[in-house]
C-alpha atoms as a PDB file:
ATOM      1  CA  MET A   1       0.000   0.000   0.000  1.00  0.00           C
ATOM      2  CA  ALA A   2       1.423   3.340  -1.014  1.00  0.00           C
ATOM      3  CA  ASP A   3      -0.266   5.355   1.748  1.00  0.00           C
ATOM      4  CA  PRO A   4       0.043   4.312   5.433  1.00  0.00           C
ATOM      5  CA  LEU A   5      -3.250   3.674   7.170  1.00  0.00           C
ATOM      6  CA  PRO A   6      -4.012   5.002  10.638  1.00  0.00           C
ATOM      7  CA  GLN A   7      -3.597   2.225  13.166  1.00  0.00           C
ATOM      8  CA  THR A   8      -7.229   2.553  14.259  1.00  0.00           C
ATOM      9  CA  THR A   9      -8.369   1.918  10.669  1.00  0.00           C
ATOM     10  CA  ARG A  10      -5.988  -0.993  10.295  1.00  0.00           C
ATOM     11  CA  ASP A  11      -7.206  -2.534  13.553  1.00  0.00           C
ATOM     12  CA  ALA A  12     -10.843  -2.136  12.538  1.00  0.00           C
ATOM     13  CA  LEU A  13     -10.185  -3.750   9.158  1.00  0.00           C
ATOM     14  CA  GLN A  14      -8.348  -6.633  10.796  1.00  0.00           C
ATOM     15  CA  LYS A  15     -11.251  -7.247  13.162  1.00  0.00           C
ATOM     16  CA  ARG A  16     -13.688  -7.097  10.238  1.00  0.00           C
ATOM     17  CA  ALA A  17     -11.614  -9.625   8.311  1.00  0.00           C
ATOM     18  CA  LEU A  18     -11.601 -12.003  11.276  1.00  0.00           C
ATOM     19  CA  GLU A  19     -15.393 -11.675  11.436  1.00  0.00           C
ATOM     20  CA  ALA A  20     -15.614 -12.677   7.783  1.00  0.00           C
ATOM     21  CA  LEU A  21     -13.241 -15.616   8.235  1.00  0.00           C
ATOM     22  CA  ASP A  22     -15.708 -17.249  10.618  1.00  0.00           C
ATOM     23  CA  HIS A  23     -17.457 -18.427   7.436  1.00  0.00           C
ATOM     24  CA  TRP A  24     -14.504 -19.969   5.572  1.00  0.00           C
ATOM     25  CA  PRO A  25     -12.333 -23.015   6.314  1.00  0.00           C
ATOM     26  CA  VAL A  26      -8.963 -21.487   7.153  1.00  0.00           C
ATOM     27  CA  ARG A  27      -5.778 -22.872   8.656  1.00  0.00           C
ATOM     28  CA  ALA A  28      -4.665 -19.761  10.530  1.00  0.00           C
ATOM     29  CA  ARG A  29      -6.703 -16.747  11.568  1.00  0.00           C
ATOM     30  CA  GLU A  30      -4.046 -14.256  10.538  1.00  0.00           C
ATOM     31  CA  PRO A  31      -5.335 -12.266   7.568  1.00  0.00           C
ATOM     32  CA  VAL A  32      -2.690 -10.008   6.021  1.00  0.00           C
ATOM     33  CA  LEU A  33      -3.949  -6.725   4.564  1.00  0.00           C
ATOM     34  CA  MET A  34      -2.589  -6.407   1.021  1.00  0.00           C
ATOM     35  CA  LYS A  35      -4.616  -3.536  -0.445  1.00  0.00           C
ATOM     36  CA  TYR A  36      -7.196  -1.030   0.728  1.00  0.00           C
ATOM     37  CA  ARG A  37      -8.710   0.904  -2.130  1.00  0.00           C
ATOM     38  CA  GLU A  38     -12.154   0.116  -3.519  1.00  0.00           C
ATOM     39  CA  ASN A  39     -12.109  -3.079  -1.482  1.00  0.00           C
ATOM     40  CA  ALA A  40      -9.984  -4.261   1.418  1.00  0.00           C
ATOM     41  CA  VAL A  41      -8.050  -7.316   0.221  1.00  0.00           C
ATOM     42  CA  PHE A  42      -6.383  -9.730   2.627  1.00  0.00           C
ATOM     43  CA  ARG A  43      -4.172 -12.729   2.028  1.00  0.00           C
ATOM     44  CA  ILE A  44      -5.433 -15.708   3.997  1.00  0.00           C
ATOM     45  CA  THR A  45      -4.412 -19.365   4.309  1.00  0.00           C
ATOM     46  CA  LEU A  46      -7.048 -22.018   3.665  1.00  0.00           C
ATOM     47  CA  GLU A  47      -7.263 -25.365   5.456  1.00  0.00           C
ATOM     48  CA  ASP A  48      -5.376 -27.084   2.630  1.00  0.00           C
ATOM     49  CA  GLY A  49      -2.463 -24.664   3.044  1.00  0.00           C
ATOM     50  CA  GLN A  50      -3.215 -22.694  -0.123  1.00  0.00           C
ATOM     51  CA  PHE A  51      -3.253 -18.915  -0.081  1.00  0.00           C
ATOM     52  CA  ALA A  52      -6.470 -17.134  -1.042  1.00  0.00           C
ATOM     53  CA  ALA A  53      -7.720 -13.535  -1.156  1.00  0.00           C
ATOM     54  CA  LEU A  54     -10.436 -12.326   1.203  1.00  0.00           C
ATOM     55  CA  ARG A  55     -12.234  -9.292  -0.172  1.00  0.00           C
ATOM     56  CA  LEU A  56     -14.262  -6.920   1.993  1.00  0.00           C
ATOM     57  CA  HIS A  57     -16.282  -5.075  -0.604  1.00  0.00           C
ATOM     58  CA  ARG A  58     -16.708  -1.317  -0.513  1.00  0.00           C
ATOM     59  CA  PRO A  59     -20.160  -0.689   0.991  1.00  0.00           C
ATOM     60  CA  GLY A  60     -22.680   0.571  -1.532  1.00  0.00           C
ATOM     61  CA  TYR A  61     -20.516   0.124  -4.616  1.00  0.00           C
ATOM     62  CA  HIS A  62     -22.045  -3.133  -5.865  1.00  0.00           C
ATOM     63  CA  ASP A  63     -25.197  -4.865  -4.675  1.00  0.00           C
ATOM     64  CA  GLU A  64     -25.547  -8.581  -3.995  1.00  0.00           C
ATOM     65  CA  THR A  65     -26.730  -9.437  -7.511  1.00  0.00           C
ATOM     66  CA  SER A  66     -23.810  -7.627  -9.130  1.00  0.00           C
ATOM     67  CA  LEU A  67     -21.261  -9.243  -6.804  1.00  0.00           C
ATOM     68  CA  ARG A  68     -22.640 -12.724  -7.407  1.00  0.00           C
ATOM     69  CA  SER A  69     -22.573 -11.993 -11.140  1.00  0.00           C
ATOM     70  CA  GLU A  70     -18.874 -11.102 -10.954  1.00  0.00           C
ATOM     71  CA  LEU A  71     -18.149 -14.424  -9.252  1.00  0.00           C
ATOM     72  CA  HIS A  72     -20.134 -16.309 -11.903  1.00  0.00           C
ATOM     73  CA  PHE A  73     -18.140 -14.541 -14.616  1.00  0.00           C
ATOM     74  CA  ILE A  74     -14.678 -15.273 -13.233  1.00  0.00           C
ATOM     75  CA  ALA A  75     -15.687 -18.881 -12.535  1.00  0.00           C
ATOM     76  CA  ALA A  76     -16.633 -19.252 -16.206  1.00  0.00           C
ATOM     77  CA  LEU A  77     -13.358 -17.702 -17.358  1.00  0.00           C
ATOM     78  CA  LYS A  78     -11.373 -19.988 -15.052  1.00  0.00           C
ATOM     79  CA  LEU A  79     -13.274 -23.010 -16.352  1.00  0.00           C
ATOM     80  CA  GLY A  80     -12.390 -21.879 -19.877  1.00  0.00           C
ATOM     81  CA  GLY A  81      -8.681 -22.006 -19.050  1.00  0.00           C
ATOM     82  CA  LEU A  82      -7.940 -18.314 -18.434  1.00  0.00           C
ATOM     83  CA  ASP A  83      -5.603 -17.562 -15.542  1.00  0.00           C
ATOM     84  CA  VAL A  84      -7.902 -15.599 -13.227  1.00  0.00           C
ATOM     85  CA  PRO A  85      -9.020 -15.961  -9.602  1.00  0.00           C
ATOM     86  CA  SER A  86     -11.923 -18.329  -8.914  1.00  0.00           C
ATOM     87  CA  PRO A  87     -14.511 -18.237  -6.108  1.00  0.00           C
ATOM     88  CA  VAL A  88     -13.785 -20.154  -2.895  1.00  0.00           C
ATOM     89  CA  PRO A  89     -17.016 -21.249  -1.157  1.00  0.00           C
ATOM     90  CA  THR A  90     -17.745 -20.955   2.553  1.00  0.00           C
ATOM     91  CA  ARG A  91     -18.215 -23.992   4.788  1.00  0.00           C
ATOM     92  CA  ASN A  92     -21.905 -23.799   3.842  1.00  0.00           C
ATOM     93  CA  ARG A  93     -21.081 -23.705   0.122  1.00  0.00           C
ATOM     94  CA  GLN A  94     -21.948 -20.027  -0.235  1.00  0.00           C
ATOM     95  CA  SER A  95     -19.939 -17.693  -2.464  1.00  0.00           C
ATOM     96  CA  LEU A  96     -20.845 -14.442  -0.712  1.00  0.00           C
ATOM     97  CA  VAL A  97     -21.421 -13.406   2.902  1.00  0.00           C
ATOM     98  CA  LEU A  98     -23.180 -10.303   4.232  1.00  0.00           C
ATOM     99  CA  LEU A  99     -21.481  -8.778   7.272  1.00  0.00           C
ATOM    100  CA  ALA A 100     -23.762  -6.762   9.532  1.00  0.00           C
ATOM    101  CA  ALA A 101     -23.129  -3.096  10.238  1.00  0.00           C
ATOM    102  CA  ASN A 102     -21.052  -2.272  13.302  1.00  0.00           C
ATOM    103  CA  GLY A 103     -19.477   0.756  14.913  1.00  0.00           C
ATOM    104  CA  HIS A 104     -16.835   1.086  12.186  1.00  0.00           C
ATOM    105  CA  PHE A 105     -18.470  -0.208   8.997  1.00  0.00           C
ATOM    106  CA  PRO A 106     -21.904  -0.241   7.395  1.00  0.00           C
ATOM    107  CA  ALA A 107     -23.243  -3.579   6.182  1.00  0.00           C
ATOM    108  CA  GLN A 108     -20.955  -4.991   3.512  1.00  0.00           C
ATOM    109  CA  TYR A 109     -20.305  -8.168   1.556  1.00  0.00           C
ATOM    110  CA  ALA A 110     -17.284 -10.422   1.774  1.00  0.00           C
ATOM    111  CA  ASP A 111     -16.032 -13.169  -0.499  1.00  0.00           C
ATOM    112  CA  VAL A 112     -12.895 -15.254  -1.012  1.00  0.00           C
ATOM    113  CA  VAL A 113     -11.184 -15.985  -4.331  1.00  0.00           C
ATOM    114  CA  SER A 114      -8.172 -18.114  -5.178  1.00  0.00           C
ATOM    115  CA  TRP A 115      -4.707 -16.607  -4.955  1.00  0.00           C
ATOM    116  CA  ILE A 116      -2.747 -15.602  -8.058  1.00  0.00           C
ATOM    117  CA  ASP A 117       0.934 -16.268  -7.452  1.00  0.00           C
ATOM    118  CA  GLY A 118       2.850 -13.559  -9.272  1.00  0.00           C
ATOM    119  CA  ILE A 119       3.790  -9.890  -9.283  1.00  0.00           C
ATOM    120  CA  PRO A 120       2.008  -6.905 -10.851  1.00  0.00           C
ATOM    121  CA  LEU A 121       3.228  -5.831 -14.279  1.00  0.00           C
ATOM    122  CA  GLY A 122       4.028  -2.448 -12.784  1.00  0.00           C
ATOM    123  CA  GLN A 123       2.773   0.525 -10.833  1.00  0.00           C
ATOM    124  CA  SER A 124       1.006   3.550 -12.258  1.00  0.00           C
ATOM    125  CA  GLY A 125       3.374   6.485 -12.683  1.00  0.00           C
ATOM    126  CA  VAL A 126       6.519   4.348 -12.357  1.00  0.00           C
ATOM    127  CA  PRO A 127       8.427   3.414 -15.552  1.00  0.00           C
ATOM    128  CA  LEU A 128       8.272  -0.254 -16.504  1.00  0.00           C
ATOM    129  CA  SER A 129      11.353  -2.137 -15.363  1.00  0.00           C
ATOM    130  CA  GLN A 130      11.462  -4.836 -18.043  1.00  0.00           C
ATOM    131  CA  SER A 131      13.639  -4.669 -21.138  1.00  0.00           C
ATOM    132  CA  ILE A 132      11.988  -3.586 -24.373  1.00  0.00           C
ATOM    133  CA  GLU A 133      12.183  -7.164 -25.654  1.00  0.00           C
ATOM    134  CA  MET A 134      10.455  -8.446 -22.518  1.00  0.00           C
ATOM    135  CA  GLN A 135       7.815  -5.703 -22.685  1.00  0.00           C
ATOM    136  CA  GLU A 136       7.047  -6.750 -26.243  1.00  0.00           C
ATOM    137  CA  ALA A 137       6.628 -10.386 -25.210  1.00  0.00           C
ATOM    138  CA  ILE A 138       4.509  -9.504 -22.178  1.00  0.00           C
ATOM    139  CA  PHE A 139       2.109  -7.207 -24.025  1.00  0.00           C
ATOM    140  CA  PHE A 140       1.735  -9.735 -26.832  1.00  0.00           C
ATOM    141  CA  ARG A 141       0.626 -12.256 -24.207  1.00  0.00           C
ATOM    142  CA  ILE A 142      -1.696  -9.717 -22.602  1.00  0.00           C
ATOM    143  CA  GLY A 143      -3.326  -9.159 -25.997  1.00  0.00           C
ATOM    144  CA  GLN A 144      -3.740 -12.904 -26.478  1.00  0.00           C
ATOM    145  CA  ASN A 145      -5.310 -13.393 -23.065  1.00  0.00           C
ATOM    146  CA  MET A 146      -7.574 -10.406 -23.566  1.00  0.00           C
ATOM    147  CA  ALA A 147      -8.843 -11.918 -26.818  1.00  0.00           C
ATOM    148  CA  ILE A 148      -9.349 -15.294 -25.121  1.00  0.00           C
ATOM    149  CA  MET A 149     -11.303 -13.576 -22.351  1.00  0.00           C
ATOM    150  CA  HIS A 150     -13.586 -11.921 -24.897  1.00  0.00           C
ATOM    151  CA  GLU A 151     -14.040 -15.217 -26.743  1.00  0.00           C
ATOM    152  CA  LEU A 152     -14.957 -17.061 -23.553  1.00  0.00           C
ATOM    153  CA  ALA A 153     -17.384 -14.290 -22.622  1.00  0.00           C
ATOM    154  CA  ASP A 154     -19.128 -14.566 -25.992  1.00  0.00           C
ATOM    155  CA  VAL A 155     -19.719 -18.322 -25.755  1.00  0.00           C
ATOM    156  CA  TRP A 156     -20.736 -18.247 -22.086  1.00  0.00           C
ATOM    157  CA  GLU A 157     -24.414 -18.075 -21.162  1.00  0.00           C
ATOM    158  CA  PRO A 158     -24.780 -15.974 -17.993  1.00  0.00           C
ATOM    159  CA  PRO A 159     -27.200 -17.205 -15.330  1.00  0.00           C
ATOM    160  CA  GLU A 160     -30.587 -15.658 -14.767  1.00  0.00           C
ATOM    161  CA  HIS A 161     -30.497 -12.261 -13.049  1.00  0.00           C
ATOM    162  CA  PHE A 162     -26.911 -11.643 -14.151  1.00  0.00           C
ATOM    163  CA  ARG A 163     -26.145  -7.929 -13.755  1.00  0.00           C
ATOM    164  CA  ARG A 164     -22.908  -5.977 -14.106  1.00  0.00           C
ATOM    165  CA  PRO A 165     -21.976  -2.338 -14.925  1.00  0.00           C
ATOM    166  CA  VAL A 166     -22.688  -1.198 -18.471  1.00  0.00           C
ATOM    167  CA  TRP A 167     -19.828   0.701 -20.142  1.00  0.00           C
ATOM    168  CA  ASP A 168     -21.893   1.813 -23.121  1.00  0.00           C
ATOM    169  CA  ILE A 169     -22.440   5.341 -24.461  1.00  0.00           C
ATOM    170  CA  ASP A 170     -24.474   6.360 -21.417  1.00  0.00           C
ATOM    171  CA  GLY A 171     -22.029   4.684 -19.037  1.00  0.00           C
ATOM    172  CA  LEU A 172     -19.151   6.672 -20.543  1.00  0.00           C
ATOM    173  CA  VAL A 173     -20.588  10.027 -21.644  1.00  0.00           C
ATOM    174  CA  GLY A 174     -24.233   9.996 -20.578  1.00  0.00           C
ATOM    175  CA  GLU A 175     -25.826  12.214 -17.949  1.00  0.00           C
ATOM    176  CA  THR A 176     -24.708   9.909 -15.131  1.00  0.00           C
ATOM    177  CA  PRO A 177     -21.544   8.039 -16.215  1.00  0.00           C
ATOM    178  CA  LEU A 178     -20.467   5.027 -14.212  1.00  0.00           C
ATOM    179  CA  TRP A 179     -17.473   6.805 -12.689  1.00  0.00           C
ATOM    180  CA  GLY A 180     -19.056  10.210 -12.268  1.00  0.00           C
ATOM    181  CA  ARG A 181     -19.797  13.414 -14.198  1.00  0.00           C
ATOM    182  CA  PHE A 182     -16.248  14.273 -15.232  1.00  0.00           C
ATOM    183  CA  TRP A 183     -17.309  17.599 -16.748  1.00  0.00           C
ATOM    184  CA  ASP A 184     -19.288  18.671 -13.676  1.00  0.00           C
ATOM    185  CA  CYS A 185     -17.451  17.752 -10.508  1.00  0.00           C
ATOM    186  CA  ARG A 186     -15.698  19.317  -7.546  1.00  0.00           C
ATOM    187  CA  GLY A 187     -12.255  20.773  -8.119  1.00  0.00           C
ATOM    188  CA  LEU A 188     -12.649  21.827 -11.758  1.00  0.00           C
ATOM    189  CA  SER A 189     -11.894  25.358 -12.888  1.00  0.00           C
ATOM    190  CA  PRO A 190     -14.615  27.172 -14.887  1.00  0.00           C
ATOM    191  CA  GLU A 191     -12.446  26.840 -17.995  1.00  0.00           C
ATOM    192  CA  SER A 192     -12.078  23.087 -17.513  1.00  0.00           C
ATOM    193  CA  THR A 193     -15.801  22.700 -16.958  1.00  0.00           C
ATOM    194  CA  ILE A 194     -16.568  24.438 -20.245  1.00  0.00           C
ATOM    195  CA  ALA A 195     -13.920  22.509 -22.179  1.00  0.00           C
ATOM    196  CA  LEU A 196     -14.896  19.111 -20.774  1.00  0.00           C
ATOM    197  CA  SER A 197     -18.602  19.732 -21.287  1.00  0.00           C
ATOM    198  CA  ALA A 198     -18.030  20.607 -24.947  1.00  0.00           C
ATOM    199  CA  LEU A 199     -15.762  17.592 -25.352  1.00  0.00           C
ATOM    200  CA  ARG A 200     -18.343  15.286 -23.815  1.00  0.00           C
ATOM    201  CA  HIS A 201     -20.946  16.281 -26.413  1.00  0.00           C
ATOM    202  CA  GLN A 202     -18.439  15.785 -29.241  1.00  0.00           C
ATOM    203  CA  LEU A 203     -17.403  12.383 -27.962  1.00  0.00           C
ATOM    204  CA  ARG A 204     -20.992  11.275 -27.483  1.00  0.00           C
ATOM    205  CA  ARG A 205     -21.688  11.987 -31.160  1.00  0.00           C
ATOM    206  CA  LEU A 206     -18.473  10.244 -32.240  1.00  0.00           C
ATOM    207  CA  LEU A 207     -19.189   7.201 -30.100  1.00  0.00           C
ATOM    208  CA  ALA A 208     -22.727   6.972 -31.422  1.00  0.00           C
ATOM    209  CA  ASN A 209     -21.364   6.973 -34.980  1.00  0.00           C
ATOM    210  CA  ALA A 210     -18.703   4.405 -34.091  1.00  0.00           C
ATOM    211  CA  ASP A 211     -21.322   2.217 -32.428  1.00  0.00           C
ATOM    212  CA  SER A 212     -23.369   2.253 -35.607  1.00  0.00           C
ATOM    213  CA  GLN A 213     -20.374   0.657 -37.337  1.00  0.00           C
ATOM    214  CA  SER A 214     -20.855  -2.428 -35.131  1.00  0.00           C
ATOM    215  CA  LEU A 215     -17.872  -2.186 -32.843  1.00  0.00           C
ATOM    216  CA  ASP A 216     -17.291  -5.409 -30.941  1.00  0.00           C
ATOM    217  CA  TYR A 217     -19.339  -5.315 -27.743  1.00  0.00           C
ATOM    218  CA  GLY A 218     -19.769  -7.743 -24.866  1.00  0.00           C
ATOM    219  CA  LEU A 219     -18.451  -8.576 -21.414  1.00  0.00           C
ATOM    220  CA  ILE A 220     -15.116  -6.901 -20.633  1.00  0.00           C
ATOM    221  CA  HIS A 221     -12.752  -6.596 -17.677  1.00  0.00           C
ATOM    222  CA  ALA A 222     -12.858  -2.763 -17.822  1.00  0.00           C
ATOM    223  CA  ASP A 223      -9.838  -2.186 -15.565  1.00  0.00           C
ATOM    224  CA  LEU A 224      -6.810  -3.966 -17.036  1.00  0.00           C
ATOM    225  CA  VAL A 225      -4.255  -1.549 -15.661  1.00  0.00           C
ATOM    226  CA  ARG A 226      -0.723  -2.596 -14.683  1.00  0.00           C
ATOM    227  CA  GLU A 227      -1.690  -3.443 -11.103  1.00  0.00           C
ATOM    228  CA  ASN A 228      -4.375  -5.869 -12.313  1.00  0.00           C
ATOM    229  CA  ILE A 229      -2.091  -7.758 -14.722  1.00  0.00           C
ATOM    230  CA  PHE A 230       0.145 -10.249 -12.924  1.00  0.00           C
ATOM    231  CA  LEU A 231       3.331 -11.784 -14.281  1.00  0.00           C
ATOM    232  CA  THR A 232       3.226 -15.414 -13.190  1.00  0.00           C
ATOM    233  CA  GLY A 233       6.336 -17.003 -14.689  1.00  0.00           C
ATOM    234  CA  THR A 234       9.498 -16.578 -16.697  1.00  0.00           C
ATOM    235  CA  ASP A 235       7.853 -17.090 -20.098  1.00  0.00           C
ATOM    236  CA  SER A 236       5.770 -13.898 -20.212  1.00  0.00           C
ATOM    237  CA  ASN A 237       2.809 -15.682 -18.653  1.00  0.00           C
ATOM    238  CA  VAL A 238       0.162 -13.267 -17.393  1.00  0.00           C
ATOM    239  CA  ALA A 239      -2.946 -13.458 -15.249  1.00  0.00           C
ATOM    240  CA  PHE A 240      -5.808 -10.997 -14.834  1.00  0.00           C
ATOM    241  CA  ILE A 241      -7.134 -10.059 -11.390  1.00  0.00           C
ATOM    242  CA  ASP A 242      -9.692  -7.660  -9.892  1.00  0.00           C
ATOM    243  CA  PHE A 243     -12.881  -7.950 -11.946  1.00  0.00           C
ATOM    244  CA  ASP A 244     -14.601  -5.428  -9.677  1.00  0.00           C
ATOM    245  CA  ASP A 245     -15.563  -3.195 -12.624  1.00  0.00           C
ATOM    246  CA  ALA A 246     -16.140  -5.942 -15.207  1.00  0.00           C
ATOM    247  CA  GLY A 247     -19.309  -5.537 -17.205  1.00  0.00           C
ATOM    248  CA  HIS A 248     -20.798  -5.001 -20.623  1.00  0.00           C
ATOM    249  CA  GLY A 249     -18.874  -2.690 -22.913  1.00  0.00           C
ATOM    250  CA  PHE A 250     -16.878  -2.088 -26.064  1.00  0.00           C
ATOM    251  CA  ARG A 251     -13.933  -4.469 -26.400  1.00  0.00           C
ATOM    252  CA  LEU A 252     -11.724  -1.547 -27.457  1.00  0.00           C
ATOM    253  CA  PHE A 253     -12.233  -0.186 -23.943  1.00  0.00           C
ATOM    254  CA  ASP A 254     -10.119  -3.054 -22.569  1.00  0.00           C
ATOM    255  CA  LEU A 255      -7.353  -2.345 -25.084  1.00  0.00           C
ATOM    256  CA  ALA A 256      -7.470   1.378 -24.350  1.00  0.00           C
ATOM    257  CA  THR A 257      -7.344   0.828 -20.587  1.00  0.00           C
ATOM    258  CA  THR A 258      -4.201  -1.294 -20.861  1.00  0.00           C
ATOM    259  CA  LEU A 259      -2.497   1.192 -23.181  1.00  0.00           C
ATOM    260  CA  LEU A 260      -3.428   4.469 -21.496  1.00  0.00           C
ATOM    261  CA  LYS A 261      -1.054   4.346 -18.527  1.00  0.00           C
ATOM    262  CA  ASN A 262       1.793   3.230 -20.806  1.00  0.00           C
ATOM    263  CA  ARG A 263       1.513   6.022 -23.369  1.00  0.00           C
ATOM    264  CA  ASN A 264       4.546   7.861 -21.941  1.00  0.00           C
ATOM    265  CA  GLU A 265       6.774   4.798 -21.935  1.00  0.00           C
ATOM    266  CA  PRO A 266       9.785   5.112 -24.278  1.00  0.00           C
ATOM    267  CA  ALA A 267       8.781   1.809 -25.882  1.00  0.00           C
ATOM    268  CA  TYR A 268       5.105   2.736 -26.273  1.00  0.00           C
ATOM    269  CA  PRO A 269       4.967   2.081 -30.051  1.00  0.00           C
ATOM    270  CA  VAL A 270       6.340  -1.421 -29.388  1.00  0.00           C
ATOM    271  CA  ILE A 271       3.878  -1.947 -26.524  1.00  0.00           C
ATOM    272  CA  GLU A 272       0.877  -0.892 -28.603  1.00  0.00           C
ATOM    273  CA  GLN A 273       1.835  -3.001 -31.602  1.00  0.00           C
ATOM    274  CA  ALA A 274       2.540  -6.035 -29.415  1.00  0.00           C
ATOM    275  CA  LEU A 275      -0.809  -5.764 -27.633  1.00  0.00           C
ATOM    276  CA  ILE A 276      -2.724  -5.447 -30.907  1.00  0.00           C
ATOM    277  CA  SER A 277      -0.742  -8.251 -32.568  1.00  0.00           C
ATOM    278  CA  GLY A 278      -1.323 -10.527 -29.605  1.00  0.00           C
ATOM    279  CA  TYR A 279      -5.044  -9.777 -29.667  1.00  0.00           C
ATOM    280  CA  ARG A 280      -5.255 -10.377 -33.412  1.00  0.00           C
ATOM    281  CA  SER A 281      -3.441 -13.702 -33.038  1.00  0.00           C
ATOM    282  CA  ARG A 282      -6.602 -15.003 -31.327  1.00  0.00           C
ATOM    283  CA  ARG A 283      -9.474 -12.739 -32.369  1.00  0.00           C
ATOM    284  CA  ALA A 284     -10.419 -10.504 -35.283  1.00  0.00           C
ATOM    285  CA  LEU A 285      -9.838  -6.777 -34.944  1.00  0.00           C
ATOM    286  CA  SER A 286     -10.459  -4.841 -38.141  1.00  0.00           C
ATOM    287  CA  GLU A 287      -8.573  -1.732 -39.206  1.00  0.00           C
ATOM    288  CA  ALA A 288     -11.872   0.143 -39.206  1.00  0.00           C
ATOM    289  CA  ALA A 289     -12.459  -0.771 -35.571  1.00  0.00           C
ATOM    290  CA  LEU A 290      -8.852  -0.097 -34.620  1.00  0.00           C
ATOM    291  CA  ALA A 291      -9.167   3.430 -35.990  1.00  0.00           C
ATOM    292  CA  ALA A 292     -11.416   4.180 -33.004  1.00  0.00           C
ATOM    293  CA  LEU A 293      -8.740   3.205 -30.441  1.00  0.00           C
ATOM    294  CA  PRO A 294      -7.558   6.826 -29.862  1.00  0.00           C
ATOM    295  CA  LEU A 295     -11.190   7.777 -29.180  1.00  0.00           C
ATOM    296  CA  PHE A 296     -11.464   5.078 -26.529  1.00  0.00           C
ATOM    297  CA  MET A 297      -8.210   6.137 -24.906  1.00  0.00           C
ATOM    298  CA  VAL A 298      -9.685   9.624 -24.450  1.00  0.00           C
ATOM    299  CA  LEU A 299     -12.912   8.106 -23.078  1.00  0.00           C
ATOM    300  CA  ARG A 300     -10.919   5.995 -20.637  1.00  0.00           C
ATOM    301  CA  SER A 301      -8.862   9.014 -19.565  1.00  0.00           C
ATOM    302  CA  LEU A 302     -11.997  11.033 -18.828  1.00  0.00           C
ATOM    303  CA  THR A 303     -13.373   8.363 -16.493  1.00  0.00           C
ATOM    304  CA  TYR A 304     -10.481   8.951 -14.098  1.00  0.00           C
ATOM    305  CA  ILE A 305     -11.510  12.588 -13.646  1.00  0.00           C
ATOM    306  CA  GLY A 306     -14.927  11.584 -12.336  1.00  0.00           C
ATOM    307  CA  TRP A 307     -13.448   8.755 -10.271  1.00  0.00           C
ATOM    308  CA  LEU A 308     -10.901  11.026  -8.578  1.00  0.00           C
ATOM    309  CA  ALA A 309     -13.361  13.864  -7.987  1.00  0.00           C
ATOM    310  CA  GLU A 310     -15.554  11.530  -5.927  1.00  0.00           C
ATOM    311  CA  ARG A 311     -12.593  10.578  -3.691  1.00  0.00           C
ATOM    312  CA  PRO A 312     -11.314  13.844  -2.158  1.00  0.00           C
ATOM    313  CA  GLU A 313      -9.566  11.857   0.589  1.00  0.00           C
ATOM    314  CA  ILE A 314      -6.910  10.606  -1.851  1.00  0.00           C
ATOM    315  CA  PRO A 315      -3.521  12.296  -1.297  1.00  0.00           C
ATOM    316  CA  ASP A 316      -2.580  14.951  -3.880  1.00  0.00           C
ATOM    317  CA  ASN A 317      -6.163  14.901  -5.136  1.00  0.00           C
ATOM    318  CA  VAL A 318      -6.097  18.491  -6.439  1.00  0.00           C
ATOM    319  CA  GLU A 319      -2.807  18.069  -8.317  1.00  0.00           C
ATOM    320  CA  ARG A 320      -3.833  14.737  -9.793  1.00  0.00           C
ATOM    321  CA  LEU A 321      -7.208  16.058 -10.893  1.00  0.00           C
ATOM    322  CA  SER A 322      -5.533  18.968 -12.684  1.00  0.00           C
ATOM    323  CA  ARG A 323      -3.142  16.563 -14.399  1.00  0.00           C
ATOM    324  CA  TYR A 324      -5.937  14.222 -15.485  1.00  0.00           C
ATOM    325  CA  VAL A 325      -7.878  17.125 -16.995  1.00  0.00           C
ATOM    326  CA  HIS A 326      -4.808  18.428 -18.849  1.00  0.00           C
ATOM    327  CA  GLU A 327      -3.908  14.979 -20.190  1.00  0.00           C
ATOM    328  CA  SER A 328      -7.464  14.228 -21.311  1.00  0.00           C
ATOM    329  CA  LEU A 329      -7.877  17.520 -23.162  1.00  0.00           C
ATOM    330  CA  GLU A 330      -4.428  17.175 -24.751  1.00  0.00           C
ATOM    331  CA  MET A 331      -5.244  13.671 -25.989  1.00  0.00           C
ATOM    332  CA  ALA A 332      -8.588  14.879 -27.308  1.00  0.00           C
ATOM    333  CA  ARG A 333      -6.916  17.664 -29.294  1.00  0.00           C
ATOM    334  CA  GLN A 334      -4.871  15.040 -31.083  1.00  0.00           C
ATOM    335  CA  LEU A 335      -7.982  13.334 -32.411  1.00  0.00           C
ATOM    336  CA  ASP A 336      -8.491  14.282 -36.058  1.00  0.00           C
ATOM    337  CA  PHE A 337     -12.241  14.403 -35.600  1.00  0.00           C
ATOM    338  CA  VAL A 338     -12.368  16.637 -32.502  1.00  0.00           C
ATOM    339  CA  ALA A 339     -12.394  20.391 -33.036  1.00  0.00           C
END
């Protein structure tokens, strides 16, 4: 964790994790806090000695139906051979547990998924450490696995009442986008508000036109950033974690998400070509569709403005928000079809 937690918060989280572990067969009641962002994630040890990840879900972010749907989705991907976490049932064969409200937390859900043994591809804002040759091999594999994920999603029949976020036109540039009204949020200057509002209307028209050209659409991960891509071996093997935002959306959104935080890497042209080549080695991606990739990178960039604006407690919030706005508008100006 980049930012130290107050000891009182850490103690409360630890107690909450122990409460959740009453439902799972574990060897040792010593959960280790690994991440506290949208969810609190702990490493635990199951009765068979295997590590697993206990997730205390952010209250109010997803309801029970959506959380169960996420678990159904990753179970299907795992069954299809993709390296992703899989649900670990409770002693009573349940996949999800509701923890009652207490003095520190409102009511929230908890689940456990299998452990992915590896290291993150990288950290946002920190240059990639691998050689250019290794980056090329890794991003080729990421593209392959992304295509496999989309293929498995297309042949899978979700259960009744399946519900996940929808990253469609409304979810990206509608009146109430999934990650917040990026053009109308706290911390923006009047000039930024005007510029982002005008850009939103332009992008909505462009996305509507692109959608009419039958862009590939279906279930996506929606957050394949460096921290959610794990390197699991010496042969450029990769795994995907954290399907918290997975839902229905344009497949280019997954490609754009992976590329966005790497756009300032010295080897970015190699990274982009490797990702696209890897994807195309398993799934069709036409030149006409690929032409919309810069548009989706701008759309992805804009989502972070709304996301950050709704989290004023994040350190350096004001500086980061200003940077996100500048980067988004600069990327948009480079689009041939944006005035």
